[in-house]
Amino acid sequence: MARIHYVQHDGTEHVVEVEPGLSVMEGAVKNGVPGIDADCGGACACATCHVFIDEGWISRVGRAESEQEVSMLELAPTFEANSRLSCQIEVGEELDGLIVRMPESQH
């Protein structure tokens, strides 16, 4: 299991244990973390699971590279260099302690 720290825009933190192989989005949805709606169910077809990766984790998680993910993120109200769709981040043991922050538009 990997412990993922989901931080809402107001600073409220939810620490959830997520099974390896699931996405960061699935971990949030299965555990009722507010702010990650996942309207498309993880199909990379919306931006309702948008998160900001904590700078200390970018090297392990990576930046958005696929054309589909980048195009969805560009539709988000606040697209930044550390933006990712949480449905596109697969959880593994190496992500234990990962910190993701949700934009103000997702509450």
PDB file of N, CA and C in Angstrom:
ATOM      1  N   MET A   1       0.841  -1.191   0.000  1.00  0.00           N
ATOM      2  CA  MET A   1       0.000   0.000   0.000  1.00  0.00           C
ATOM      3  C   MET A   1       0.881   1.248   0.000  1.00  0.00           C
ATOM      4  N   ALA A   2       0.372   2.266  -0.641  1.00  0.00           N
ATOM      5  CA  ALA A   2       1.063   3.557  -0.653  1.00  0.00           C
ATOM      6  C   ALA A   2       0.144   4.589  -0.011  1.00  0.00           C
ATOM      7  N   ARG A   3       0.702   5.393   0.844  1.00  0.00           N
ATOM      8  CA  ARG A   3      -0.065   6.459   1.483  1.00  0.00           C
ATOM      9  C   ARG A   3       0.002   7.684   0.586  1.00  0.00           C
ATOM     10  N   ILE A   4      -1.167   8.141   0.150  1.00  0.00           N
ATOM     11  CA  ILE A   4      -1.247   9.321  -0.694  1.00  0.00           C
ATOM     12  C   ILE A   4      -1.892  10.433   0.122  1.00  0.00           C
ATOM     13  N   HIS A   5      -1.288  11.612   0.070  1.00  0.00           N
ATOM     14  CA  HIS A   5      -1.785  12.792   0.787  1.00  0.00           C
ATOM     15  C   HIS A   5      -2.518  13.670  -0.223  1.00  0.00           C
ATOM     16  N   TYR A   6      -3.824  13.772  -0.075  1.00  0.00           N
ATOM     17  CA  TYR A   6      -4.662  14.613  -0.921  1.00  0.00           C
ATOM     18  C   TYR A   6      -4.937  15.892  -0.137  1.00  0.00           C
ATOM     19  N   VAL A   7      -4.530  17.036  -0.685  1.00  0.00           N
ATOM     20  CA  VAL A   7      -4.700  18.300   0.024  1.00  0.00           C
ATOM     21  C   VAL A   7      -5.678  19.179  -0.755  1.00  0.00           C
ATOM     22  N   GLN A   8      -6.781  19.506  -0.109  1.00  0.00           N
ATOM     23  CA  GLN A   8      -7.764  20.385  -0.720  1.00  0.00           C
ATOM     24  C   GLN A   8      -7.224  21.815  -0.751  1.00  0.00           C
ATOM     25  N   HIS A   9      -7.832  22.651  -1.571  1.00  0.00           N
ATOM     26  CA  HIS A   9      -7.361  24.026  -1.719  1.00  0.00           C
ATOM     27  C   HIS A   9      -7.346  24.782  -0.384  1.00  0.00           C
ATOM     28  N   ASP A  10      -8.265  24.452   0.519  1.00  0.00           N
ATOM     29  CA  ASP A  10      -8.325  25.142   1.813  1.00  0.00           C
ATOM     30  C   ASP A  10      -7.320  24.588   2.826  1.00  0.00           C
ATOM     31  N   GLY A  11      -6.516  23.602   2.406  1.00  0.00           N
ATOM     32  CA  GLY A  11      -5.504  23.034   3.290  1.00  0.00           C
ATOM     33  C   GLY A  11      -5.916  21.759   3.993  1.00  0.00           C
ATOM     34  N   THR A  12      -7.185  21.387   3.892  1.00  0.00           N
ATOM     35  CA  THR A  12      -7.646  20.143   4.507  1.00  0.00           C
ATOM     36  C   THR A  12      -6.955  18.966   3.836  1.00  0.00           C
ATOM     37  N   GLU A  13      -6.357  18.104   4.636  1.00  0.00           N
ATOM     38  CA  GLU A  13      -5.593  16.972   4.107  1.00  0.00           C
ATOM     39  C   GLU A  13      -6.295  15.651   4.408  1.00  0.00           C
ATOM     40  N   HIS A  14      -6.290  14.788   3.413  1.00  0.00           N
ATOM     41  CA  HIS A  14      -6.832  13.438   3.550  1.00  0.00           C
ATOM     42  C   HIS A  14      -5.696  12.476   3.202  1.00  0.00           C
ATOM     43  N   VAL A  15      -5.307  11.634   4.145  1.00  0.00           N
ATOM     44  CA  VAL A  15      -4.261  10.648   3.905  1.00  0.00           C
ATOM     45  C   VAL A  15      -4.946   9.297   3.726  1.00  0.00           C
ATOM     46  N   VAL A  16      -4.694   8.695   2.562  1.00  0.00           N
ATOM     47  CA  VAL A  16      -5.391   7.472   2.183  1.00  0.00           C
ATOM     48  C   VAL A  16      -4.379   6.419   1.758  1.00  0.00           C
ATOM     49  N   GLU A  17      -4.598   5.187   2.174  1.00  0.00           N
ATOM     50  CA  GLU A  17      -3.776   4.081   1.689  1.00  0.00           C
ATOM     51  C   GLU A  17      -4.388   3.573   0.395  1.00  0.00           C
ATOM     52  N   VAL A  18      -3.565   3.554  -0.665  1.00  0.00           N
ATOM     53  CA  VAL A  18      -4.043   3.165  -1.985  1.00  0.00           C
ATOM     54  C   VAL A  18      -3.270   1.925  -2.438  1.00  0.00           C
ATOM     55  N   GLU A  19      -4.017   0.967  -2.929  1.00  0.00           N
ATOM     56  CA  GLU A  19      -3.434  -0.288  -3.398  1.00  0.00           C
ATOM     57  C   GLU A  19      -2.626  -0.064  -4.678  1.00  0.00           C
ATOM     58  N   PRO A  20      -1.430  -0.620  -4.762  1.00  0.00           N
ATOM     59  CA  PRO A  20      -0.649  -0.520  -5.992  1.00  0.00           C
ATOM     60  C   PRO A  20      -1.438  -1.040  -7.190  1.00  0.00           C
ATOM     61  N   GLY A  21      -1.297  -0.349  -8.301  1.00  0.00           N
ATOM     62  CA  GLY A  21      -2.013  -0.715  -9.513  1.00  0.00           C
ATOM     63  C   GLY A  21      -3.231   0.156  -9.764  1.00  0.00           C
ATOM     64  N   LEU A  22      -3.763   0.762  -8.701  1.00  0.00           N
ATOM     65  CA  LEU A  22      -4.864   1.702  -8.876  1.00  0.00           C
ATOM     66  C   LEU A  22      -4.289   3.053  -9.272  1.00  0.00           C
ATOM     67  N   SER A  23      -5.125   3.936  -9.775  1.00  0.00           N
ATOM     68  CA  SER A  23      -4.673   5.295 -10.067  1.00  0.00           C
ATOM     69  C   SER A  23      -4.866   6.159  -8.827  1.00  0.00           C
ATOM     70  N   VAL A  24      -4.196   7.299  -8.808  1.00  0.00           N
ATOM     71  CA  VAL A  24      -4.367   8.252  -7.717  1.00  0.00           C
ATOM     72  C   VAL A  24      -5.837   8.676  -7.651  1.00  0.00           C
ATOM     73  N   MET A  25      -6.480   8.823  -8.805  1.00  0.00           N
ATOM     74  CA  MET A  25      -7.895   9.172  -8.861  1.00  0.00           C
ATOM     75  C   MET A  25      -8.749   8.080  -8.224  1.00  0.00           C
ATOM     76  N   GLU A  26      -8.508   6.825  -8.572  1.00  0.00           N
ATOM     77  CA  GLU A  26      -9.296   5.721  -8.007  1.00  0.00           C
ATOM     78  C   GLU A  26      -9.155   5.672  -6.493  1.00  0.00           C
ATOM     79  N   GLY A  27      -7.955   5.931  -5.994  1.00  0.00           N
ATOM     80  CA  GLY A  27      -7.748   5.957  -4.548  1.00  0.00           C
ATOM     81  C   GLY A  27      -8.590   7.017  -3.878  1.00  0.00           C
ATOM     82  N   ALA A  28      -8.705   8.176  -4.513  1.00  0.00           N
ATOM     83  CA  ALA A  28      -9.524   9.261  -3.955  1.00  0.00           C
ATOM     84  C   ALA A  28     -11.000   8.912  -3.999  1.00  0.00           C
ATOM     85  N   VAL A  29     -11.470   8.438  -5.140  1.00  0.00           N
ATOM     86  CA  VAL A  29     -12.894   8.131  -5.306  1.00  0.00           C
ATOM     87  C   VAL A  29     -13.317   7.013  -4.362  1.00  0.00           C
ATOM     88  N   LYS A  30     -12.529   5.944  -4.282  1.00  0.00           N
ATOM     89  CA  LYS A  30     -12.887   4.806  -3.427  1.00  0.00           C
ATOM     90  C   LYS A  30     -12.899   5.172  -1.938  1.00  0.00           C
ATOM     91  N   ASN A  31     -12.193   6.244  -1.592  1.00  0.00           N
ATOM     92  CA  ASN A  31     -12.114   6.646  -0.192  1.00  0.00           C
ATOM     93  C   ASN A  31     -12.868   7.936   0.109  1.00  0.00           C
ATOM     94  N   GLY A  32     -13.683   8.394  -0.830  1.00  0.00           N
ATOM     95  CA  GLY A  32     -14.534   9.567  -0.590  1.00  0.00           C
ATOM     96  C   GLY A  32     -13.802  10.871  -0.405  1.00  0.00           C
ATOM     97  N   VAL A  33     -12.649  11.016  -1.028  1.00  0.00           N
ATOM     98  CA  VAL A  33     -11.897  12.270  -0.921  1.00  0.00           C
ATOM     99  C   VAL A  33     -12.626  13.335  -1.739  1.00  0.00           C
ATOM    100  N   PRO A  34     -13.056  14.430  -1.097  1.00  0.00           N
ATOM    101  CA  PRO A  34     -13.743  15.475  -1.838  1.00  0.00           C
ATOM    102  C   PRO A  34     -12.787  16.226  -2.765  1.00  0.00           C
ATOM    103  N   GLY A  35     -13.325  16.696  -3.887  1.00  0.00           N
ATOM    104  CA  GLY A  35     -12.524  17.502  -4.808  1.00  0.00           C
ATOM    105  C   GLY A  35     -12.041  16.747  -6.023  1.00  0.00           C
ATOM    106  N   ILE A  36     -12.172  15.435  -6.018  1.00  0.00           N
ATOM    107  CA  ILE A  36     -11.811  14.640  -7.195  1.00  0.00           C
ATOM    108  C   ILE A  36     -13.090  13.928  -7.633  1.00  0.00           C
ATOM    109  N   ASP A  37     -13.746  14.516  -8.651  1.00  0.00           N
ATOM    110  CA  ASP A  37     -15.043  13.997  -9.090  1.00  0.00           C
ATOM    111  C   ASP A  37     -14.920  12.855 -10.081  1.00  0.00           C
ATOM    112  N   ALA A  38     -13.930  12.905 -10.951  1.00  0.00           N
ATOM    113  CA  ALA A  38     -13.703  11.837 -11.930  1.00  0.00           C
ATOM    114  C   ALA A  38     -14.939  11.569 -12.775  1.00  0.00           C
ATOM    115  N   ASP A  39     -15.489  12.618 -13.346  1.00  0.00           N
ATOM    116  CA  ASP A  39     -16.716  12.506 -14.142  1.00  0.00           C
ATOM    117  C   ASP A  39     -16.614  11.497 -15.282  1.00  0.00           C
ATOM    118  N   CYS A  40     -15.434  11.360 -15.877  1.00  0.00           N
ATOM    119  CA  CYS A  40     -15.293  10.441 -17.017  1.00  0.00           C
ATOM    120  C   CYS A  40     -14.889   9.033 -16.579  1.00  0.00           C
ATOM    121  N   GLY A  41     -14.725   8.823 -15.283  1.00  0.00           N
ATOM    122  CA  GLY A  41     -14.399   7.501 -14.780  1.00  0.00           C
ATOM    123  C   GLY A  41     -12.973   7.052 -15.045  1.00  0.00           C
ATOM    124  N   GLY A  42     -12.109   7.981 -15.375  1.00  0.00           N
ATOM    125  CA  GLY A  42     -10.704   7.634 -15.597  1.00  0.00           C
ATOM    126  C   GLY A  42     -10.322   7.451 -17.047  1.00  0.00           C
ATOM    127  N   ALA A  43     -11.156   7.931 -17.956  1.00  0.00           N
ATOM    128  CA  ALA A  43     -10.901   7.762 -19.388  1.00  0.00           C
ATOM    129  C   ALA A  43     -10.051   8.880 -19.985  1.00  0.00           C
ATOM    130  N   CYS A  44      -9.544   9.765 -19.152  1.00  0.00           N
ATOM    131  CA  CYS A  44      -8.730  10.901 -19.615  1.00  0.00           C
ATOM    132  C   CYS A  44      -9.541  11.753 -20.598  1.00  0.00           C
ATOM    133  N   ALA A  45     -10.813  11.974 -20.246  1.00  0.00           N
ATOM    134  CA  ALA A  45     -11.706  12.718 -21.126  1.00  0.00           C
ATOM    135  C   ALA A  45     -12.330  13.934 -20.443  1.00  0.00           C
ATOM    136  N   CYS A  46     -11.810  14.298 -19.285  1.00  0.00           N
ATOM    137  CA  CYS A  46     -12.267  15.509 -18.595  1.00  0.00           C
ATOM    138  C   CYS A  46     -11.104  15.965 -17.709  1.00  0.00           C
ATOM    139  N   ALA A  47     -11.320  16.967 -16.924  1.00  0.00           N
ATOM    140  CA  ALA A  47     -10.259  17.427 -16.022  1.00  0.00           C
ATOM    141  C   ALA A  47     -10.768  17.532 -14.585  1.00  0.00           C
ATOM    142  N   THR A  48     -11.762  16.724 -14.239  1.00  0.00           N
ATOM    143  CA  THR A  48     -12.327  16.799 -12.894  1.00  0.00           C
ATOM    144  C   THR A  48     -11.538  16.007 -11.862  1.00  0.00           C
ATOM    145  N   CYS A  49     -10.403  15.467 -12.267  1.00  0.00           N
ATOM    146  CA  CYS A  49      -9.497  14.806 -11.315  1.00  0.00           C
ATOM    147  C   CYS A  49      -8.132  15.500 -11.342  1.00  0.00           C
ATOM    148  N   HIS A  50      -8.132  16.754 -11.788  1.00  0.00           N
ATOM    149  CA  HIS A  50      -6.911  17.563 -11.891  1.00  0.00           C
ATOM    150  C   HIS A  50      -6.272  17.735 -10.516  1.00  0.00           C
ATOM    151  N   VAL A  51      -4.967  17.541 -10.454  1.00  0.00           N
ATOM    152  CA  VAL A  51      -4.204  17.782  -9.226  1.00  0.00           C
ATOM    153  C   VAL A  51      -2.894  18.471  -9.582  1.00  0.00           C
ATOM    154  N   PHE A  52      -2.311  19.098  -8.581  1.00  0.00           N
ATOM    155  CA  PHE A  52      -0.966  19.651  -8.683  1.00  0.00           C
ATOM    156  C   PHE A  52      -0.047  18.711  -7.910  1.00  0.00           C
ATOM    157  N   ILE A  53       0.989  18.235  -8.562  1.00  0.00           N
ATOM    158  CA  ILE A  53       1.955  17.351  -7.912  1.00  0.00           C
ATOM    159  C   ILE A  53       2.901  18.205  -7.082  1.00  0.00           C
ATOM    160  N   ASP A  54       3.096  17.840  -5.824  1.00  0.00           N
ATOM    161  CA  ASP A  54       4.047  18.542  -4.979  1.00  0.00           C
ATOM    162  C   ASP A  54       5.417  18.508  -5.656  1.00  0.00           C
ATOM    163  N   GLU A  55       6.104  19.631  -5.687  1.00  0.00           N
ATOM    164  CA  GLU A  55       7.373  19.755  -6.414  1.00  0.00           C
ATOM    165  C   GLU A  55       8.391  18.675  -6.055  1.00  0.00           C
ATOM    166  N   GLY A  56       8.408  18.229  -4.819  1.00  0.00           N
ATOM    167  CA  GLY A  56       9.347  17.197  -4.400  1.00  0.00           C
ATOM    168  C   GLY A  56       9.074  15.830  -5.021  1.00  0.00           C
ATOM    169  N   TRP A  57       7.927  15.676  -5.667  1.00  0.00           N
ATOM    170  CA  TRP A  57       7.527  14.393  -6.241  1.00  0.00           C
ATOM    171  C   TRP A  57       7.534  14.366  -7.762  1.00  0.00           C
ATOM    172  N   ILE A  58       7.764  15.495  -8.399  1.00  0.00           N
ATOM    173  CA  ILE A  58       7.712  15.566  -9.867  1.00  0.00           C
ATOM    174  C   ILE A  58       8.644  14.551 -10.526  1.00  0.00           C
ATOM    175  N   SER A  59       9.840  14.394  -9.991  1.00  0.00           N
ATOM    176  CA  SER A  59      10.798  13.477 -10.631  1.00  0.00           C
ATOM    177  C   SER A  59      10.310  12.028 -10.603  1.00  0.00           C
ATOM    178  N   ARG A  60       9.543  11.652  -9.595  1.00  0.00           N
ATOM    179  CA  ARG A  60       9.038  10.272  -9.517  1.00  0.00           C
ATOM    180  C   ARG A  60       7.734  10.087 -10.282  1.00  0.00           C
ATOM    181  N   VAL A  61       6.889  11.092 -10.246  1.00  0.00           N
ATOM    182  CA  VAL A  61       5.579  10.989 -10.900  1.00  0.00           C
ATOM    183  C   VAL A  61       5.691  11.327 -12.386  1.00  0.00           C
ATOM    184  N   GLY A  62       6.496  12.329 -12.685  1.00  0.00           N
ATOM    185  CA  GLY A  62       6.625  12.792 -14.068  1.00  0.00           C
ATOM    186  C   GLY A  62       5.592  13.852 -14.401  1.00  0.00           C
ATOM    187  N   ARG A  63       5.833  14.540 -15.477  1.00  0.00           N
ATOM    188  CA  ARG A  63       4.917  15.577 -15.948  1.00  0.00           C
ATOM    189  C   ARG A  63       3.979  14.976 -16.995  1.00  0.00           C
ATOM    190  N   ALA A  64       2.899  15.665 -17.253  1.00  0.00           N
ATOM    191  CA  ALA A  64       1.959  15.230 -18.294  1.00  0.00           C
ATOM    192  C   ALA A  64       2.680  15.228 -19.629  1.00  0.00           C
ATOM    193  N   GLU A  65       2.645  14.106 -20.323  1.00  0.00           N
ATOM    194  CA  GLU A  65       3.331  14.003 -21.605  1.00  0.00           C
ATOM    195  C   GLU A  65       2.405  13.613 -22.744  1.00  0.00           C
ATOM    196  N   SER A  66       1.392  12.823 -22.463  1.00  0.00           N
ATOM    197  CA  SER A  66       0.529  12.376 -23.563  1.00  0.00           C
ATOM    198  C   SER A  66      -0.273  13.564 -24.090  1.00  0.00           C
ATOM    199  N   GLU A  67      -0.481  13.558 -25.375  1.00  0.00           N
ATOM    200  CA  GLU A  67      -1.232  14.638 -26.015  1.00  0.00           C
ATOM    201  C   GLU A  67      -2.640  14.738 -25.431  1.00  0.00           C
ATOM    202  N   GLN A  68      -3.251  13.591 -25.150  1.00  0.00           N
ATOM    203  CA  GLN A  68      -4.609  13.580 -24.607  1.00  0.00           C
ATOM    204  C   GLN A  68      -4.655  14.215 -23.221  1.00  0.00           C
ATOM    205  N   GLU A  69      -3.715  13.843 -22.342  1.00  0.00           N
ATOM    206  CA  GLU A  69      -3.714  14.414 -20.994  1.00  0.00           C
ATOM    207  C   GLU A  69      -3.445  15.909 -21.044  1.00  0.00           C
ATOM    208  N   VAL A  70      -2.474  16.329 -21.834  1.00  0.00           N
ATOM    209  CA  VAL A  70      -2.153  17.755 -21.944  1.00  0.00           C
ATOM    210  C   VAL A  70      -3.359  18.535 -22.470  1.00  0.00           C
ATOM    211  N   SER A  71      -4.043  18.008 -23.467  1.00  0.00           N
ATOM    212  CA  SER A  71      -5.199  18.733 -24.023  1.00  0.00           C
ATOM    213  C   SER A  71      -6.323  18.859 -22.996  1.00  0.00           C
ATOM    214  N   MET A  72      -6.525  17.855 -22.167  1.00  0.00           N
ATOM    215  CA  MET A  72      -7.540  17.947 -21.117  1.00  0.00           C
ATOM    216  C   MET A  72      -7.120  18.969 -20.053  1.00  0.00           C
ATOM    217  N   LEU A  73      -5.855  18.952 -19.684  1.00  0.00           N
ATOM    218  CA  LEU A  73      -5.365  19.895 -18.671  1.00  0.00           C
ATOM    219  C   LEU A  73      -5.451  21.337 -19.159  1.00  0.00           C
ATOM    220  N   GLU A  74      -5.258  21.553 -20.447  1.00  0.00           N
ATOM    221  CA  GLU A  74      -5.343  22.905 -20.986  1.00  0.00           C
ATOM    222  C   GLU A  74      -6.754  23.479 -20.860  1.00  0.00           C
ATOM    223  N   LEU A  75      -7.747  22.609 -20.697  1.00  0.00           N
ATOM    224  CA  LEU A  75      -9.124  23.052 -20.494  1.00  0.00           C
ATOM    225  C   LEU A  75      -9.403  23.411 -19.034  1.00  0.00           C
ATOM    226  N   ALA A  76      -8.536  22.979 -18.143  1.00  0.00           N
ATOM    227  CA  ALA A  76      -8.713  23.248 -16.710  1.00  0.00           C
ATOM    228  C   ALA A  76      -8.496  24.735 -16.442  1.00  0.00           C
ATOM    229  N   PRO A  77      -9.213  25.285 -15.459  1.00  0.00           N
ATOM    230  CA  PRO A  77      -9.069  26.711 -15.154  1.00  0.00           C
ATOM    231  C   PRO A  77      -7.664  27.121 -14.707  1.00  0.00           C
ATOM    232  N   THR A  78      -6.929  26.209 -14.092  1.00  0.00           N
ATOM    233  CA  THR A  78      -5.596  26.540 -13.579  1.00  0.00           C
ATOM    234  C   THR A  78      -4.595  25.463 -13.985  1.00  0.00           C
ATOM    235  N   PHE A  79      -4.071  25.565 -15.173  1.00  0.00           N
ATOM    236  CA  PHE A  79      -3.075  24.613 -15.691  1.00  0.00           C
ATOM    237  C   PHE A  79      -1.692  25.147 -15.365  1.00  0.00           C
ATOM    238  N   GLU A  80      -0.895  24.352 -14.658  1.00  0.00           N
ATOM    239  CA  GLU A  80       0.463  24.734 -14.290  1.00  0.00           C
ATOM    240  C   GLU A  80       1.421  23.628 -14.701  1.00  0.00           C
ATOM    241  N   ALA A  81       2.707  23.899 -14.622  1.00  0.00           N
ATOM    242  CA  ALA A  81       3.722  22.928 -15.038  1.00  0.00           C
ATOM    243  C   ALA A  81       3.634  21.624 -14.250  1.00  0.00           C
ATOM    244  N   ASN A  82       3.160  21.677 -13.008  1.00  0.00           N
ATOM    245  CA  ASN A  82       3.058  20.472 -12.185  1.00  0.00           C
ATOM    246  C   ASN A  82       1.642  19.888 -12.172  1.00  0.00           C
ATOM    247  N   SER A  83       0.806  20.297 -13.130  1.00  0.00           N
ATOM    248  CA  SER A  83      -0.553  19.764 -13.247  1.00  0.00           C
ATOM    249  C   SER A  83      -0.531  18.359 -13.821  1.00  0.00           C
ATOM    250  N   ARG A  84      -1.401  17.508 -13.294  1.00  0.00           N
ATOM    251  CA  ARG A  84      -1.604  16.158 -13.834  1.00  0.00           C
ATOM    252  C   ARG A  84      -3.065  15.789 -13.650  1.00  0.00           C
ATOM    253  N   LEU A  85      -3.523  14.859 -14.463  1.00  0.00           N
ATOM    254  CA  LEU A  85      -4.808  14.236 -14.224  1.00  0.00           C
ATOM    255  C   LEU A  85      -4.518  13.033 -13.333  1.00  0.00           C
ATOM    256  N   SER A  86      -5.164  12.974 -12.183  1.00  0.00           N
ATOM    257  CA  SER A  86      -4.845  11.899 -11.238  1.00  0.00           C
ATOM    258  C   SER A  86      -5.232  10.527 -11.762  1.00  0.00           C
ATOM    259  N   CYS A  87      -6.096  10.471 -12.783  1.00  0.00           N
ATOM    260  CA  CYS A  87      -6.449   9.177 -13.374  1.00  0.00           C
ATOM    261  C   CYS A  87      -5.303   8.601 -14.199  1.00  0.00           C
ATOM    262  N   GLN A  88      -4.315   9.423 -14.509  1.00  0.00           N
ATOM    263  CA  GLN A  88      -3.201   8.990 -15.338  1.00  0.00           C
ATOM    264  C   GLN A  88      -1.951   8.651 -14.521  1.00  0.00           C
ATOM    265  N   ILE A  89      -2.063   8.663 -13.208  1.00  0.00           N
ATOM    266  CA  ILE A  89      -0.930   8.353 -12.327  1.00  0.00           C
ATOM    267  C   ILE A  89      -1.189   7.022 -11.646  1.00  0.00           C
ATOM    268  N   GLU A  90      -0.426   6.015 -12.034  1.00  0.00           N
ATOM    269  CA  GLU A  90      -0.580   4.692 -11.422  1.00  0.00           C
ATOM    270  C   GLU A  90       0.201   4.642 -10.120  1.00  0.00           C
ATOM    271  N   VAL A  91      -0.448   4.148  -9.091  1.00  0.00           N
ATOM    272  CA  VAL A  91       0.163   4.055  -7.771  1.00  0.00           C
ATOM    273  C   VAL A  91       1.035   2.807  -7.693  1.00  0.00           C
ATOM    274  N   GLY A  92       2.221   2.992  -7.156  1.00  0.00           N
ATOM    275  CA  GLY A  92       3.135   1.910  -6.842  1.00  0.00           C
ATOM    276  C   GLY A  92       3.763   2.215  -5.496  1.00  0.00           C
ATOM    277  N   GLU A  93       4.475   1.269  -4.949  1.00  0.00           N
ATOM    278  CA  GLU A  93       5.121   1.468  -3.642  1.00  0.00           C
ATOM    279  C   GLU A  93       6.044   2.689  -3.636  1.00  0.00           C
ATOM    280  N   GLU A  94       6.628   3.011  -4.810  1.00  0.00           N
ATOM    281  CA  GLU A  94       7.544   4.154  -4.900  1.00  0.00           C
ATOM    282  C   GLU A  94       6.836   5.494  -4.696  1.00  0.00           C
ATOM    283  N   LEU A  95       5.507   5.501  -4.721  1.00  0.00           N
ATOM    284  CA  LEU A  95       4.750   6.736  -4.508  1.00  0.00           C
ATOM    285  C   LEU A  95       4.236   6.867  -3.079  1.00  0.00           C
ATOM    286  N   ASP A  96       4.708   6.003  -2.178  1.00  0.00           N
ATOM    287  CA  ASP A  96       4.317   6.098  -0.775  1.00  0.00           C
ATOM    288  C   ASP A  96       4.721   7.461  -0.237  1.00  0.00           C
ATOM    289  N   GLY A  97       3.748   8.236   0.222  1.00  0.00           N
ATOM    290  CA  GLY A  97       3.991   9.577   0.746  1.00  0.00           C
ATOM    291  C   GLY A  97       3.686  10.687  -0.251  1.00  0.00           C
ATOM    292  N   LEU A  98       3.276  10.331  -1.464  1.00  0.00           N
ATOM    293  CA  LEU A  98       2.971  11.315  -2.499  1.00  0.00           C
ATOM    294  C   LEU A  98       1.993  12.369  -1.984  1.00  0.00           C
ATOM    295  N   ILE A  99       2.281  13.619  -2.343  1.00  0.00           N
ATOM    296  CA  ILE A  99       1.412  14.739  -1.971  1.00  0.00           C
ATOM    297  C   ILE A  99       0.852  15.344  -3.248  1.00  0.00           C
ATOM    298  N   VAL A 100      -0.480  15.385  -3.343  1.00  0.00           N
ATOM    299  CA  VAL A 100      -1.143  16.052  -4.457  1.00  0.00           C
ATOM    300  C   VAL A 100      -2.081  17.112  -3.883  1.00  0.00           C
ATOM    301  N   ARG A 101      -2.146  18.236  -4.576  1.00  0.00           N
ATOM    302  CA  ARG A 101      -3.001  19.337  -4.147  1.00  0.00           C
ATOM    303  C   ARG A 101      -4.071  19.584  -5.200  1.00  0.00           C
ATOM    304  N   MET A 102      -5.261  19.902  -4.737  1.00  0.00           N
ATOM    305  CA  MET A 102      -6.365  20.139  -5.663  1.00  0.00           C
ATOM    306  C   MET A 102      -6.546  21.631  -5.899  1.00  0.00           C
ATOM    307  N   PRO A 103      -6.884  21.984  -7.128  1.00  0.00           N
ATOM    308  CA  PRO A 103      -7.099  23.401  -7.425  1.00  0.00           C
ATOM    309  C   PRO A 103      -8.350  23.947  -6.729  1.00  0.00           C
ATOM    310  N   GLU A 104      -8.407  25.260  -6.588  1.00  0.00           N
ATOM    311  CA  GLU A 104      -9.533  25.920  -5.931  1.00  0.00           C
ATOM    312  C   GLU A 104     -10.867  25.586  -6.603  1.00  0.00           C
ATOM    313  N   SER A 105     -10.827  25.373  -7.915  1.00  0.00           N
ATOM    314  CA  SER A 105     -12.065  25.106  -8.657  1.00  0.00           C
ATOM    315  C   SER A 105     -12.677  23.752  -8.313  1.00  0.00           C
ATOM    316  N   GLN A 106     -11.956  22.886  -7.633  1.00  0.00           N
ATOM    317  CA  GLN A 106     -12.442  21.552  -7.263  1.00  0.00           C
ATOM    318  C   GLN A 106     -12.609  21.475  -5.754  1.00  0.00           C
ATOM    319  N   HIS A 107     -13.807  21.738  -5.289  1.00  0.00           N
ATOM    320  CA  HIS A 107     -14.053  21.642  -3.847  1.00  0.00           C
ATOM    321  C   HIS A 107     -15.316  20.915  -3.558  1.00  0.00           C
TER     322      HIS A 107
END
